[in-house]
Amino acid sequence: FVWRCESFNKIIFLFLVLKTKSPLYIITKSNVWRIFIVAKSNQKILVVNKRMLGSVQNNIECKVASADQKVMGLLLSSAKVEVTSCEPLQKEANVSGKIVIDILYKTENDEIDSTSSAFAFSSKVEGDFEPNLGVVATAEIVDYSVDGVSEDEVRFVVTTEVRVLGYPQTEFEVAGADEDLCVKMSENHATRLTKSSNQKLSDTLSFDIKDKVKKVLRVDVQTICKDAQAGNGYVTLNGEDIVDILYVEDDVEPKLKSVSFVHPFGEELEVGGVTKDSLIDQFVSVKYDSLSNTLEQGEDGAKININREANVQIFAFEKFDFESIEDVYSLSHTTLVSTNSYDYLAPQKQMYFQNKIDGTVTAGENTPRIDKVLENSANTLKVLAYYVQDDEIVIQGTMQTTVIYLNDENSTIESLEVEIPFEVKQRIEEIPGASIDVKCAVDGVDVVAKRGKDIFVEAEVKTYVAVYSTETGAAISGIELQDELPPKTSAMEIYFANAGQTLWDVAKDMVESVDTLAKFNPDLPEVMAGDEKIICYRKKSI
């Protein structure tokens, strides 16, 4: 505000107590006292960003005990990992999870049996964490190996990697100013987090099988979301469950068989605070330790019912605009300006695509000859790298499967783990500084053996990609008046503007208001097309 007091016959003593952080200026000239304080009309803006906050690897020893019969030979093993909780603290996060290992083995009765065990683990991830921060913790199996096999148990060493993605929110001030300042306003863009929600997807997946099933040996479910759409008060997820079932067929030699299904789903989840204009990030993860199945026998076949549960984390955002001072000056004082810069999340698009992959692997010299492929199971993908390059999304990784086969020479059932590298690419429109989140699943794995050693594998990689970028904005956060400008003594001033200068630039150089220049130069454009002569008249005291 500006407070003015004038006295012609006496001196006024003014005592003020002001509760403000603004600077106080007292200027005396004759009997005139003026107090200038920049108006404290600052507004606070809260914006959200998205970045990887930290990761950690752990080695965990796991012992899987056999079921009813002794382990006479390990045919297959599969390890999955899930995160059960993540608690952000100051500069660290506590993450808990489970490793689920299932094994397929030969028994002393020359049969095939299976069992599964879960192992809890906890990790401490260090990084730029703080309490109540919105986070997503994911985990993957980096490596696992068999450490020993006995009749009663199989020992594994499992290496997991836990990564924590965060949505840090930043609050900053945007300055306002009083009427005595000349200000140039601009529109700024940002994104804020409006809602985060943890929910569950539960479903019973039923599949009819034409064979008579003696026993279900293992069930594997991969869940991938294809897109997420927001409505008023809800979020719809559309995706697929990719299901692989390995079972023993009754009264048939060889008895081992597998079948795969794709189960589409569409789930509408109630999420308060979400609108149809909200932008959505979603993370779906299967609870492997909760997978269960039941078998219903029929006259012509069987029905397998699979209970699948998944955790869902949803983050909703909205873009918003706000006005801020882009430039400022005073007609009476020099000014000191401070500026805040801020980074904010800019969600771009969701993508879903499918790519065929294939590869050939030659078995080692000591591997028993592959005379007949029975089945393949434990199909998994390991994504090693993903990035955007030359308007393409590039995803690199490996696909693993276990081939179960007959060896005629020894009349035995054998197995071989196969791994093929892959690289898939997908065109994307140019988005400067684009980053991506990737979730992949594998489907349609087919294995063919040739010449007893060569294994040809083909499969389909299904990929969901969330594309986003980090944008940077800036706004003036503080304005302070400093030294008083010397009085202008001329009655007229002429300014020669150059092409490209704006009316604002000229007014600021001349320390006049834009309105004053426009009054004396009514034909001036906002941007000078060429060199211009600009005149400003002032009242002259005599």
Protein backbone atom coordinates (compact mmCIF):
# COMPACT_ATOMS: atom_id res chain seq x y z
CA PHE A 1 0.00 0.00 0.00
CA VAL A 2 0.99 3.67 -0.22
CA TRP A 3 0.38 5.84 2.83
CA ARG A 4 0.71 9.61 2.40
CA CYS A 5 0.63 12.38 4.96
CA GLU A 6 1.24 16.08 4.20
CA SER A 7 1.70 18.97 6.61
CA PHE A 8 2.60 22.53 5.77
CA ASN A 9 2.98 24.13 9.19
CA LYS A 10 4.30 21.43 11.48
CA ILE A 11 6.33 18.28 11.63
CA ILE A 12 4.43 15.04 12.11
CA PHE A 13 6.07 12.21 13.97
CA LEU A 14 4.80 8.89 12.75
CA PHE A 15 5.19 5.70 14.65
CA LEU A 16 4.13 2.49 12.91
CA VAL A 17 4.32 -1.09 14.00
CA LEU A 18 3.86 -3.35 11.00
CA LYS A 19 3.65 -7.15 11.08
CA THR A 20 4.94 -7.85 7.60
CA LYS A 21 7.96 -9.33 5.87
CA SER A 22 7.90 -6.61 3.21
CA PRO A 23 10.60 -3.94 3.31
CA LEU A 24 9.63 -0.54 4.69
CA TYR A 25 10.77 2.59 2.90
CA ILE A 26 10.43 6.13 4.28
CA ILE A 27 11.20 9.00 1.91
CA THR A 28 11.12 12.59 3.11
CA LYS A 29 10.88 15.59 0.85
CA SER A 30 9.90 18.88 2.47
CA ASN A 31 6.93 17.97 4.62
CA VAL A 32 5.85 14.94 2.62
CA TRP A 33 6.26 11.45 4.10
CA ARG A 34 5.69 8.39 2.00
CA ILE A 35 5.86 4.75 3.07
CA PHE A 36 6.15 2.21 0.27
CA ILE A 37 5.48 -1.47 0.95
CA VAL A 38 5.13 -4.02 -1.83
CA ALA A 39 1.76 -5.67 -1.45
CA LYS A 40 1.87 -9.14 0.09
CA SER A 41 -0.69 -10.71 -2.22
CA ASN A 42 1.43 -13.75 -3.04
CA GLN A 43 -0.38 -16.96 -3.93
CA LYS A 44 0.88 -20.46 -3.21
CA ILE A 45 0.93 -23.03 -6.01
CA LEU A 46 1.27 -26.81 -5.52
CA VAL A 47 2.58 -28.86 -8.44
CA VAL A 48 3.44 -32.55 -8.84
CA ASN A 49 6.30 -34.29 -10.60
CA LYS A 50 7.22 -37.94 -11.24
CA ARG A 51 10.63 -39.54 -10.88
CA MET A 52 12.48 -42.64 -9.76
CA LEU A 53 13.50 -42.12 -6.14
CA GLY A 54 15.67 -45.15 -5.43
CA SER A 55 16.33 -48.85 -5.84
CA VAL A 56 18.06 -51.69 -4.02
CA GLN A 57 18.99 -55.31 -4.71
CA ASN A 58 18.79 -58.16 -2.21
CA ASN A 59 19.98 -61.78 -2.21
CA ILE A 60 17.55 -64.13 -0.49
CA GLU A 61 17.95 -67.83 0.27
CA CYS A 62 14.76 -69.88 -0.23
CA LYS A 63 14.07 -73.52 0.58
CA VAL A 64 11.09 -75.17 -1.14
CA ALA A 65 10.03 -78.35 0.63
CA SER A 66 8.68 -81.23 -1.46
CA ALA A 67 5.01 -82.15 -1.26
CA ASP A 68 3.87 -85.71 -0.58
CA GLN A 69 6.62 -87.49 -2.50
CA LYS A 70 10.40 -87.27 -2.63
CA VAL A 71 12.21 -85.17 -5.21
CA MET A 72 14.00 -87.50 -7.62
CA GLY A 73 14.71 -84.88 -10.27
CA LEU A 74 13.87 -81.22 -10.76
CA LEU A 75 12.06 -80.52 -14.05
CA LEU A 76 11.01 -76.89 -13.69
CA SER A 77 11.21 -73.97 -11.34
CA SER A 78 9.67 -70.50 -11.53
CA ALA A 79 10.14 -67.50 -9.27
CA LYS A 80 7.79 -64.51 -9.01
CA VAL A 81 7.97 -61.49 -6.72
CA GLU A 82 5.29 -59.14 -5.42
CA VAL A 83 5.34 -56.02 -3.24
CA THR A 84 2.93 -56.06 -0.31
CA SER A 85 3.64 -52.65 1.24
CA CYS A 86 5.78 -49.53 0.91
CA GLU A 87 6.13 -46.97 3.69
CA PRO A 88 7.95 -43.74 2.81
CA LEU A 89 9.87 -42.17 5.67
CA GLN A 90 12.42 -39.36 5.86
CA LYS A 91 15.13 -40.10 3.25
CA GLU A 92 14.21 -43.79 3.04
CA ALA A 93 11.33 -46.18 2.38
CA ASN A 94 10.55 -49.55 3.95
CA VAL A 95 9.35 -52.06 1.35
CA SER A 96 7.94 -55.51 2.14
CA GLY A 97 7.10 -58.26 -0.30
CA LYS A 98 6.98 -61.96 -1.09
CA ILE A 99 8.88 -64.29 -3.38
CA VAL A 100 6.76 -67.16 -4.67
CA ILE A 101 8.61 -70.18 -6.06
CA ASP A 102 6.92 -73.18 -7.61
CA ILE A 103 8.69 -76.36 -8.69
CA LEU A 104 7.84 -79.31 -10.89
CA TYR A 105 9.71 -82.52 -10.15
CA LYS A 106 9.90 -86.25 -10.81
CA THR A 107 8.96 -88.54 -7.93
CA GLU A 108 10.19 -91.94 -6.85
CA ASN A 109 7.04 -93.48 -8.39
CA ASP A 110 8.05 -92.12 -11.78
CA GLU A 111 5.28 -89.54 -11.63
CA ILE A 112 5.33 -85.75 -11.86
CA ASP A 113 4.38 -83.61 -8.88
CA SER A 114 4.53 -79.92 -7.99
CA THR A 115 4.54 -77.62 -5.02
CA SER A 116 4.80 -73.90 -4.26
CA SER A 117 6.16 -71.83 -1.36
CA ALA A 118 6.18 -68.14 -0.47
CA PHE A 119 9.01 -66.28 1.27
CA ALA A 120 8.62 -62.87 2.89
CA PHE A 121 11.32 -60.23 2.53
CA SER A 122 11.86 -56.59 3.46
CA SER A 123 14.10 -53.93 1.95
CA LYS A 124 15.19 -50.42 2.88
CA VAL A 125 15.42 -48.09 -0.11
CA GLU A 126 17.34 -44.85 0.36
CA GLY A 127 16.45 -41.74 -1.58
CA ASP A 128 14.66 -38.39 -1.53
CA PHE A 129 11.67 -39.70 0.44
CA GLU A 130 9.41 -38.00 2.93
CA PRO A 131 6.40 -39.19 4.94
CA ASN A 132 3.03 -39.28 3.15
CA LEU A 133 4.70 -39.08 -0.27
CA GLY A 134 2.79 -40.82 -3.07
CA VAL A 135 4.93 -43.79 -4.15
CA VAL A 136 4.78 -46.96 -6.23
CA ALA A 137 7.12 -49.82 -5.34
CA THR A 138 7.77 -52.53 -7.91
CA ALA A 139 10.03 -55.57 -7.74
CA GLU A 140 11.47 -58.04 -10.19
CA ILE A 141 13.58 -61.16 -10.14
CA VAL A 142 17.04 -60.19 -11.39
CA ASP A 143 18.42 -63.69 -11.09
CA TYR A 144 17.77 -66.97 -9.32
CA SER A 145 19.65 -70.24 -9.27
CA VAL A 146 19.31 -73.70 -7.79
CA ASP A 147 21.69 -74.00 -4.84
CA GLY A 148 21.03 -77.66 -4.11
CA VAL A 149 18.51 -80.47 -4.51
CA SER A 150 17.71 -83.19 -1.96
CA GLU A 151 14.85 -85.63 -1.64
CA ASP A 152 13.08 -83.30 0.78
CA GLU A 153 13.74 -79.82 -0.56
CA VAL A 154 15.14 -77.63 -3.30
CA ARG A 155 17.31 -74.66 -2.30
CA PHE A 156 17.43 -71.42 -4.28
CA VAL A 157 19.35 -68.16 -4.16
CA VAL A 158 17.14 -65.35 -5.47
CA THR A 159 18.26 -61.82 -6.33
CA THR A 160 15.49 -59.24 -6.33
CA GLU A 161 15.53 -55.57 -7.27
CA VAL A 162 13.08 -53.19 -5.65
CA ARG A 163 12.46 -49.83 -7.34
CA VAL A 164 10.39 -46.99 -5.92
CA LEU A 165 8.77 -44.40 -8.16
CA GLY A 166 7.52 -41.24 -6.49
CA TYR A 167 5.21 -38.31 -7.11
CA PRO A 168 6.85 -35.47 -5.13
CA GLN A 169 4.80 -32.31 -4.71
CA THR A 170 6.40 -28.88 -4.60
CA GLU A 171 4.84 -25.71 -3.19
CA PHE A 172 6.13 -22.33 -4.34
CA GLU A 173 5.00 -18.72 -4.15
CA VAL A 174 3.87 -16.54 -7.02
CA ALA A 175 4.21 -12.83 -6.33
CA GLY A 176 1.47 -10.25 -6.60
CA ALA A 177 2.00 -6.48 -6.76
CA ASP A 178 0.15 -3.27 -5.90
CA GLU A 179 -1.17 -0.70 -8.33
CA ASP A 180 2.00 1.41 -8.23
CA LEU A 181 3.96 -1.22 -10.16
CA CYS A 182 3.88 -1.83 -13.88
CA VAL A 183 3.40 -5.53 -14.43
CA LYS A 184 3.30 -7.82 -17.44
CA MET A 185 1.23 -10.91 -16.79
CA SER A 186 1.58 -14.33 -18.42
CA GLU A 187 -0.25 -17.64 -18.24
CA ASN A 188 1.61 -20.56 -16.70
CA HIS A 189 0.84 -24.27 -16.95
CA ALA A 190 1.27 -26.98 -14.34
CA THR A 191 -0.12 -30.30 -13.10
CA ARG A 192 -1.35 -31.22 -9.65
CA LEU A 193 -2.10 -34.55 -7.99
CA THR A 194 -5.80 -34.74 -7.19
CA LYS A 195 -6.20 -38.30 -5.93
CA SER A 196 -4.30 -41.48 -5.11
CA SER A 197 -6.10 -44.73 -4.42
CA ASN A 198 -5.13 -48.32 -3.55
CA GLN A 199 -7.66 -50.93 -4.62
CA LYS A 200 -7.96 -54.63 -5.42
CA LEU A 201 -9.11 -56.58 -8.44
CA SER A 202 -10.62 -59.96 -7.61
CA ASP A 203 -11.99 -62.34 -10.20
CA THR A 204 -12.66 -66.02 -10.80
CA LEU A 205 -11.36 -67.11 -14.18
CA SER A 206 -13.06 -70.26 -15.46
CA PHE A 207 -11.78 -72.33 -18.38
CA ASP A 208 -13.20 -75.48 -19.97
CA ILE A 209 -10.73 -78.18 -20.96
CA LYS A 210 -11.75 -81.05 -23.22
CA ASP A 211 -9.35 -83.50 -21.58
CA LYS A 212 -9.99 -85.45 -18.42
CA VAL A 213 -7.67 -83.75 -15.96
CA LYS A 214 -6.08 -85.86 -13.26
CA LYS A 215 -4.21 -83.04 -11.53
CA VAL A 216 -3.38 -79.38 -12.07
CA LEU A 217 0.36 -78.98 -11.62
CA ARG A 218 0.81 -75.22 -11.94
CA VAL A 219 -1.08 -72.08 -12.92
CA ASP A 220 0.53 -68.84 -14.00
CA VAL A 221 -1.31 -65.53 -14.52
CA GLN A 222 0.07 -62.36 -16.10
CA THR A 223 -2.20 -59.32 -15.85
CA ILE A 224 -1.64 -56.37 -18.16
CA CYS A 225 -3.74 -53.21 -18.39
CA LYS A 226 -4.29 -51.89 -21.90
CA ASP A 227 -5.71 -48.48 -20.97
CA ALA A 228 -7.21 -46.49 -18.08
CA GLN A 229 -10.02 -43.99 -18.57
CA ALA A 230 -11.38 -41.53 -16.01
CA GLY A 231 -15.01 -40.62 -15.43
CA ASN A 232 -16.76 -38.57 -12.79
CA GLY A 233 -15.99 -40.48 -9.62
CA TYR A 234 -14.58 -43.60 -11.23
CA VAL A 235 -11.72 -45.07 -13.27
CA THR A 236 -12.20 -47.82 -15.85
CA LEU A 237 -9.39 -50.31 -16.44
CA ASN A 238 -9.36 -52.48 -19.55
CA GLY A 239 -6.87 -55.27 -19.90
CA GLU A 240 -6.12 -58.96 -20.17
CA ASP A 241 -5.26 -61.90 -17.94
CA ILE A 242 -2.87 -64.25 -19.75
CA VAL A 243 -3.27 -67.68 -18.16
CA ASP A 244 -1.01 -70.75 -18.56
CA ILE A 245 -2.13 -74.05 -17.06
CA LEU A 246 0.02 -77.17 -16.82
CA TYR A 247 -1.79 -80.37 -15.90
CA VAL A 248 -1.66 -84.16 -15.97
CA GLU A 249 -4.16 -85.78 -18.29
CA ASP A 250 -5.83 -88.91 -16.95
CA ASP A 251 -5.20 -92.29 -18.64
CA VAL A 252 -3.09 -90.92 -21.51
CA GLU A 253 0.61 -91.37 -22.24
CA PRO A 254 2.44 -89.03 -22.08
CA LYS A 255 0.27 -87.47 -19.43
CA LEU A 256 1.73 -83.93 -19.27
CA LYS A 257 -0.19 -81.19 -21.13
CA SER A 258 -0.57 -77.42 -21.07
CA VAL A 259 -3.10 -74.91 -22.29
CA SER A 260 -3.16 -71.10 -22.50
CA PHE A 261 -6.07 -68.67 -22.37
CA VAL A 262 -6.50 -64.92 -22.68
CA HIS A 263 -9.21 -63.49 -20.44
CA PRO A 264 -10.19 -59.88 -21.23
CA PHE A 265 -11.45 -57.74 -18.37
CA GLY A 266 -13.01 -54.35 -17.83
CA GLU A 267 -13.22 -53.05 -14.27
CA GLU A 268 -14.89 -49.86 -13.10
CA LEU A 269 -13.34 -48.72 -9.82
CA GLU A 270 -14.91 -46.07 -7.63
CA VAL A 271 -12.38 -43.29 -7.06
CA GLY A 272 -13.69 -40.13 -5.42
CA GLY A 273 -12.28 -36.82 -6.60
CA VAL A 274 -11.69 -38.04 -10.16
CA THR A 275 -13.38 -36.32 -13.11
CA LYS A 276 -13.68 -37.16 -16.78
CA ASP A 277 -10.84 -34.71 -17.47
CA SER A 278 -8.42 -36.38 -15.04
CA LEU A 279 -5.20 -37.94 -16.28
CA ILE A 280 -4.52 -41.40 -14.89
CA ASP A 281 -1.45 -43.41 -13.93
CA GLN A 282 -2.22 -47.04 -13.04
CA PHE A 283 -0.15 -49.92 -11.72
CA VAL A 284 -1.61 -53.45 -11.61
CA SER A 285 0.32 -56.31 -9.95
CA VAL A 286 -0.84 -59.90 -9.40
CA LYS A 287 -0.80 -61.26 -5.85
CA TYR A 288 0.98 -64.51 -6.73
CA ASP A 289 0.75 -65.88 -3.20
CA SER A 290 -3.06 -65.67 -3.41
CA LEU A 291 -3.44 -67.57 -6.68
CA SER A 292 -5.53 -70.68 -6.18
CA ASN A 293 -7.51 -73.07 -8.35
CA THR A 294 -10.21 -75.69 -8.13
CA LEU A 295 -10.95 -78.53 -10.53
CA GLU A 296 -14.46 -79.62 -11.60
CA GLN A 297 -14.65 -82.94 -13.42
CA GLY A 298 -17.23 -83.54 -16.14
CA GLU A 299 -18.19 -86.39 -18.41
CA ASP A 300 -16.41 -84.96 -21.45
CA GLY A 301 -13.73 -82.88 -19.80
CA ALA A 302 -13.02 -80.57 -16.89
CA LYS A 303 -13.41 -76.99 -15.74
CA ILE A 304 -10.60 -75.17 -13.96
CA ASN A 305 -11.55 -72.20 -11.80
CA ILE A 306 -8.71 -69.81 -10.93
CA ASN A 307 -9.03 -67.21 -8.18
CA ARG A 308 -6.94 -64.22 -9.17
CA GLU A 309 -6.31 -61.18 -6.99
CA ALA A 310 -4.33 -58.10 -8.01
CA ASN A 311 -3.33 -54.86 -6.33
CA VAL A 312 -4.14 -51.64 -8.17
CA GLN A 313 -2.60 -48.25 -7.49
CA ILE A 314 -4.21 -45.27 -9.18
CA PHE A 315 -2.89 -41.71 -9.34
CA ALA A 316 -5.12 -38.99 -10.82
CA PHE A 317 -3.86 -35.62 -12.04
CA GLU A 318 -5.27 -32.49 -13.57
CA LYS A 319 -3.66 -29.81 -15.66
CA PHE A 320 -4.31 -26.23 -14.60
CA ASP A 321 -3.33 -22.70 -15.58
CA PHE A 322 -2.46 -19.78 -13.35
CA GLU A 323 -1.44 -16.18 -13.96
CA SER A 324 1.89 -14.86 -12.78
CA ILE A 325 3.98 -11.74 -13.24
CA GLU A 326 6.34 -12.22 -16.16
CA ASP A 327 8.06 -8.85 -15.82
CA VAL A 328 7.75 -5.83 -13.51
CA TYR A 329 9.14 -2.38 -12.94
CA SER A 330 8.37 0.70 -10.87
CA LEU A 331 8.00 4.26 -12.12
CA SER A 332 9.57 5.63 -8.96
CA HIS A 333 12.09 3.06 -7.68
CA THR A 334 14.49 0.42 -8.83
CA THR A 335 13.21 -3.08 -8.17
CA LEU A 336 14.79 -6.33 -7.00
CA VAL A 337 13.02 -9.39 -8.39
CA SER A 338 13.38 -13.01 -7.26
CA THR A 339 12.23 -15.92 -9.41
CA ASN A 340 11.18 -19.50 -8.68
CA SER A 341 11.54 -22.30 -11.21
CA TYR A 342 9.52 -25.49 -10.88
CA ASP A 343 9.33 -28.89 -12.58
CA TYR A 344 6.00 -30.57 -13.12
CA LEU A 345 4.66 -33.79 -14.59
CA ALA A 346 3.15 -33.57 -18.06
CA PRO A 347 1.31 -36.85 -18.86
CA GLN A 348 1.21 -37.36 -22.62
CA LYS A 349 -0.49 -40.58 -23.70
CA GLN A 350 -1.10 -44.30 -23.11
CA MET A 351 -0.07 -46.88 -25.68
CA TYR A 352 -0.67 -50.61 -26.08
CA PHE A 353 0.93 -52.71 -28.79
CA GLN A 354 1.89 -56.31 -29.63
CA ASN A 355 5.04 -57.60 -31.32
CA LYS A 356 6.13 -61.03 -32.52
CA ILE A 357 9.54 -62.27 -31.36
CA ASP A 358 11.49 -65.43 -32.12
CA GLY A 359 14.87 -67.02 -31.67
CA THR A 360 16.83 -70.25 -31.88
CA VAL A 361 18.85 -71.89 -29.13
CA THR A 362 21.17 -74.88 -29.46
CA ALA A 363 21.31 -77.23 -26.48
CA GLY A 364 24.67 -78.04 -24.92
CA GLU A 365 26.62 -81.20 -25.68
CA ASN A 366 25.75 -82.77 -22.33
CA THR A 367 22.02 -82.15 -22.72
CA PRO A 368 20.02 -85.34 -23.45
CA ARG A 369 18.68 -85.40 -26.99
CA ILE A 370 15.30 -83.77 -27.53
CA ASP A 371 13.21 -86.43 -29.27
CA LYS A 372 9.72 -85.08 -28.58
CA VAL A 373 8.63 -81.80 -27.01
CA LEU A 374 5.87 -82.46 -24.51
CA GLU A 375 5.11 -78.95 -23.32
CA ASN A 376 6.67 -75.66 -22.35
CA SER A 377 5.83 -73.72 -19.22
CA ALA A 378 7.08 -70.99 -16.84
CA ASN A 379 7.03 -68.38 -19.61
CA THR A 380 8.45 -65.09 -18.36
CA LEU A 381 9.79 -61.80 -19.71
CA LYS A 382 12.65 -59.82 -18.27
CA VAL A 383 12.84 -56.22 -19.50
CA LEU A 384 16.45 -55.05 -19.37
CA ALA A 385 16.17 -51.59 -20.94
CA TYR A 386 13.61 -49.27 -22.47
CA TYR A 387 13.96 -45.80 -23.91
CA VAL A 388 12.77 -43.39 -26.60
CA GLN A 389 15.13 -42.79 -29.54
CA ASP A 390 14.49 -41.20 -32.93
CA ASP A 391 10.70 -41.17 -32.47
CA GLU A 392 10.68 -44.86 -31.53
CA ILE A 393 10.04 -46.69 -28.28
CA VAL A 394 12.72 -49.35 -27.90
CA ILE A 395 12.33 -52.24 -25.44
CA GLN A 396 15.09 -54.79 -24.92
CA GLY A 397 15.04 -57.91 -22.80
CA THR A 398 14.95 -61.68 -22.66
CA MET A 399 12.15 -64.24 -22.81
CA GLN A 400 12.51 -67.44 -20.79
CA THR A 401 10.61 -70.72 -21.04
CA THR A 402 11.19 -74.25 -19.79
CA VAL A 403 10.87 -77.01 -22.39
CA ILE A 404 9.77 -80.41 -21.09
CA TYR A 405 10.56 -83.24 -23.52
CA LEU A 406 11.07 -86.98 -24.02
CA ASN A 407 14.45 -88.60 -24.47
CA ASP A 408 14.00 -91.93 -26.26
CA GLU A 409 17.48 -93.26 -25.52
CA ASN A 410 16.97 -93.21 -21.77
CA SER A 411 13.14 -93.35 -21.89
CA THR A 412 13.02 -90.36 -19.57
CA ILE A 413 11.29 -87.02 -19.25
CA GLU A 414 13.80 -84.18 -19.28
CA SER A 415 13.67 -80.40 -19.21
CA LEU A 416 15.70 -77.50 -20.54
CA GLU A 417 15.54 -73.81 -19.67
CA VAL A 418 15.63 -71.67 -22.81
CA GLU A 419 16.32 -67.93 -23.00
CA ILE A 420 16.15 -65.80 -26.12
CA PRO A 421 16.97 -62.08 -26.37
CA PHE A 422 14.47 -59.73 -27.97
CA GLU A 423 14.10 -56.13 -29.07
CA VAL A 424 10.80 -54.55 -30.02
CA LYS A 425 10.20 -51.09 -31.45
CA GLN A 426 7.12 -48.93 -31.84
CA ARG A 427 6.76 -45.59 -33.57
CA ILE A 428 5.75 -42.62 -31.45
CA GLU A 429 5.09 -39.01 -32.31
CA GLU A 430 7.87 -36.65 -31.34
CA ILE A 431 7.58 -35.55 -27.72
CA PRO A 432 10.61 -33.53 -26.54
CA GLY A 433 12.15 -35.03 -23.43
CA ALA A 434 9.70 -37.93 -23.33
CA SER A 435 10.03 -40.60 -20.64
CA ILE A 436 8.16 -43.90 -20.45
CA ASP A 437 6.89 -46.48 -17.98
CA VAL A 438 6.70 -49.99 -19.44
CA LYS A 439 4.80 -53.15 -18.47
CA CYS A 440 5.23 -56.27 -20.65
CA ALA A 441 3.66 -59.73 -20.77
CA VAL A 442 4.32 -62.75 -22.98
CA ASP A 443 1.71 -64.84 -24.77
CA GLY A 444 1.46 -67.48 -27.47
CA VAL A 445 4.79 -69.18 -26.74
CA ASP A 446 5.45 -72.02 -29.22
CA VAL A 447 8.48 -74.33 -29.16
CA VAL A 448 9.76 -76.60 -31.95
CA ALA A 449 12.78 -78.92 -31.66
CA LYS A 450 14.91 -79.79 -34.70
CA ARG A 451 17.71 -82.34 -35.06
CA GLY A 452 17.51 -83.16 -31.36
CA LYS A 453 19.48 -80.07 -30.31
CA ASP A 454 18.09 -76.94 -31.95
CA ILE A 455 15.10 -75.28 -30.33
CA PHE A 456 13.09 -72.65 -32.22
CA VAL A 457 10.93 -70.38 -30.05
CA GLU A 458 8.37 -67.82 -31.12
CA ALA A 459 6.10 -65.71 -28.93
CA GLU A 460 4.15 -62.49 -28.73
CA VAL A 461 5.13 -59.60 -26.46
CA LYS A 462 2.25 -57.44 -25.23
CA THR A 463 3.27 -54.01 -23.99
CA TYR A 464 1.57 -51.16 -22.14
CA VAL A 465 3.43 -47.84 -22.18
CA ALA A 466 2.67 -44.64 -20.26
CA VAL A 467 4.37 -41.68 -21.96
CA TYR A 468 5.10 -38.55 -19.95
CA SER A 469 7.54 -35.68 -19.79
CA THR A 470 8.84 -33.28 -17.19
CA GLU A 471 8.20 -29.64 -18.02
CA THR A 472 9.87 -26.64 -16.39
CA GLY A 473 8.16 -23.36 -15.59
CA ALA A 474 9.23 -20.16 -13.88
CA ALA A 475 7.42 -17.38 -12.06
CA ILE A 476 8.38 -14.23 -10.15
CA SER A 477 8.14 -15.02 -6.45
CA GLY A 478 9.16 -11.73 -4.85
CA ILE A 479 9.38 -8.00 -5.67
CA GLU A 480 11.20 -5.42 -3.53
CA LEU A 481 11.43 -1.69 -4.09
CA GLN A 482 14.92 -0.29 -3.63
CA ASP A 483 16.47 3.07 -4.53
CA GLU A 484 14.33 6.03 -5.55
CA LEU A 485 14.77 6.99 -9.19
CA PRO A 486 15.96 10.56 -9.95
CA PRO A 487 13.17 12.91 -11.11
CA LYS A 488 12.72 13.42 -14.84
CA THR A 489 13.36 17.03 -15.79
CA SER A 490 12.69 17.08 -19.53
CA ALA A 491 9.31 18.06 -20.95
CA MET A 492 9.59 15.58 -23.82
CA GLU A 493 11.53 12.42 -24.50
CA ILE A 494 12.15 10.76 -27.88
CA TYR A 495 13.01 7.05 -28.05
CA PHE A 496 14.19 5.22 -31.17
CA ALA A 497 12.91 1.64 -31.04
CA ASN A 498 14.36 -1.21 -33.08
CA ALA A 499 12.48 -3.79 -35.10
CA GLY A 500 11.36 -6.68 -32.87
CA GLN A 501 11.08 -4.65 -29.69
CA THR A 502 7.72 -4.76 -27.97
CA LEU A 503 5.76 -1.86 -26.57
CA TRP A 504 6.47 -3.30 -23.11
CA ASP A 505 10.23 -3.30 -23.77
CA VAL A 506 10.14 0.35 -24.79
CA ALA A 507 8.00 1.42 -21.84
CA LYS A 508 10.33 -0.35 -19.41
CA ASP A 509 13.41 1.28 -20.98
CA MET A 510 11.77 4.73 -20.79
CA VAL A 511 10.38 4.05 -17.27
CA GLU A 512 6.90 5.01 -18.42
CA SER A 513 3.67 3.06 -18.39
CA VAL A 514 2.47 1.30 -21.52
CA ASP A 515 -0.76 3.33 -21.34
CA THR A 516 1.20 6.59 -21.37
CA LEU A 517 3.14 5.65 -24.49
CA ALA A 518 0.00 4.42 -26.21
CA LYS A 519 -1.71 7.73 -25.42
CA PHE A 520 0.95 9.82 -27.17
CA ASN A 521 1.65 7.23 -29.92
CA PRO A 522 -1.77 5.73 -30.74
CA ASP A 523 -0.60 3.94 -33.91
CA LEU A 524 2.19 1.95 -32.28
CA PRO A 525 1.93 -1.84 -32.70
CA GLU A 526 2.56 -4.30 -29.87
CA VAL A 527 5.69 -5.49 -31.69
CA MET A 528 7.75 -3.07 -33.75
CA ALA A 529 7.88 -4.16 -37.38
CA GLY A 530 10.65 -1.67 -38.15
CA ASP A 531 12.52 1.17 -36.53
CA GLU A 532 10.08 3.52 -34.77
CA LYS A 533 10.35 7.00 -33.24
CA ILE A 534 8.40 7.16 -29.99
CA ILE A 535 7.56 10.41 -28.23
CA CYS A 536 6.54 10.94 -24.61
CA TYR A 537 5.43 14.35 -23.23
CA ARG A 538 5.66 15.30 -19.57
CA LYS A 539 4.27 18.15 -17.53
CA LYS A 540 6.97 20.72 -16.70
CA SER A 541 6.79 22.66 -13.45
CA ILE A 542 7.84 26.37 -13.72
